[in-house]
Protein backbone atom coordinates (compact mmCIF):
# COMPACT_ATOMS: atom_id res chain seq x y z
CA MET A 1 55.82 -59.52 58.85
CA PRO A 2 57.05 -61.51 55.85
CA GLN A 3 57.32 -59.66 52.56
CA VAL A 4 55.92 -61.67 49.65
CA PHE A 5 57.34 -59.42 46.93
CA GLY A 6 57.98 -55.85 45.93
CA TYR A 7 57.06 -53.86 42.82
CA GLY A 8 58.66 -50.44 42.60
CA ARG A 9 57.87 -48.58 45.81
CA TYR A 10 55.06 -51.03 46.66
CA HIS A 11 55.65 -54.07 48.87
CA VAL A 12 53.18 -56.88 49.59
CA TYR A 13 53.18 -58.49 53.04
CA VAL A 14 51.18 -61.10 54.95
CA TYR A 15 50.97 -61.29 58.72
CA PRO A 16 51.13 -64.61 60.54
CA GLU A 17 48.41 -65.12 63.12
CA ARG A 18 49.41 -63.76 66.53
CA GLY A 19 46.90 -64.40 69.30
CA ALA A 20 43.48 -64.00 67.71
CA PRO A 21 42.72 -65.68 64.37
CA HIS A 22 42.39 -63.53 61.27
CA LYS A 23 38.84 -62.78 60.14
CA SER A 24 39.66 -63.40 56.47
CA ARG A 25 42.56 -63.99 54.11
CA HIS A 26 44.19 -60.69 53.26
CA CYS A 27 47.45 -58.97 52.45
CA HIS A 28 48.96 -55.59 53.24
CA VAL A 29 50.38 -53.43 50.46
CA ARG A 30 52.81 -50.83 51.73
CA GLN A 31 53.24 -47.81 49.50
CA GLY A 32 56.00 -45.93 51.28
CA THR A 33 55.58 -43.13 53.79
CA SER A 34 53.34 -40.08 53.88
CA ALA A 35 54.55 -36.50 54.15
CA LYS A 36 54.06 -36.87 57.92
CA GLY A 37 56.36 -39.92 57.99
CA LYS A 38 53.59 -42.47 58.55
CA GLN A 39 53.56 -45.79 56.65
CA VAL A 40 50.91 -45.80 53.88
CA GLU A 41 49.24 -49.20 53.72
CA THR A 42 46.29 -50.75 51.89
CA VAL A 43 44.59 -54.02 52.91
CA LEU A 44 43.27 -56.33 50.18
CA LEU A 45 41.14 -59.45 50.66
CA LEU A 46 42.43 -62.65 49.08
CA PRO A 47 41.94 -63.89 46.46
CA SER A 48 39.42 -61.25 45.30
CA LEU A 49 41.80 -58.30 45.94
CA LEU A 50 38.88 -56.24 47.19
CA ARG A 51 40.25 -53.15 48.97
CA VAL A 52 38.97 -53.03 52.56
CA ALA A 53 41.25 -50.36 54.04
CA GLY A 54 43.69 -47.71 52.93
CA PRO A 55 44.16 -45.69 49.77
CA ALA A 56 43.67 -46.92 46.21
CA ILE A 57 46.62 -48.61 44.53
CA ALA A 58 47.89 -47.57 41.08
CA ALA A 59 46.36 -49.62 38.22
CA ASP A 60 49.68 -51.01 36.99
CA VAL A 61 50.52 -52.18 40.51
CA MET A 62 47.10 -53.84 40.88
CA ASP A 63 47.68 -55.60 37.55
CA TYR A 64 51.00 -56.93 38.88
CA ILE A 65 49.38 -58.04 42.14
CA ARG A 66 46.60 -59.83 40.17
CA GLU A 67 49.25 -61.69 38.17
CA HIS A 68 50.81 -62.88 41.46
CA VAL A 69 47.71 -63.43 43.60
CA ASP A 70 48.36 -67.21 43.84
CA GLU A 71 51.80 -66.48 45.29
CA ILE A 72 50.24 -64.17 47.90
CA VAL A 73 47.53 -66.70 48.80
CA ASN A 74 50.16 -69.45 49.14
CA ALA A 75 52.23 -67.25 51.45
CA TRP A 76 49.16 -66.43 53.55
CA GLU A 77 48.30 -70.12 53.87
CA ARG A 78 51.90 -70.99 54.73
CA TYR A 79 52.05 -68.40 57.54
CA ASN A 80 48.54 -69.14 58.80
CA ALA A 81 48.38 -72.92 58.32
CA ASN A 82 46.31 -73.54 61.45
CA GLU A 83 43.49 -71.16 60.53
CA LYS A 84 40.22 -72.38 59.02
CA ASN A 85 39.12 -69.28 57.10
CA GLU A 86 36.80 -69.17 54.12
CA LYS A 87 38.05 -67.58 50.92
CA ALA A 88 37.00 -63.98 50.35
């Protein structure tokens, strides 16, 4: 999964389509690992950044993501060029 950018311990990724088409444009924000060693991840719709899964993201990190939402959307479109999804 291609990383779009990182901000501190947070890293934003987009998945290319594999098999079934995505239901909507979205990104994954990884926040490190939990005490049990599991990856902590939040899913945000694009370009609205509405959280649809996972824990809340710190306000300063969300501000940074908002400033770079066009970069995330461009990456999503680049990796999913054949999909015909509506914007969230």
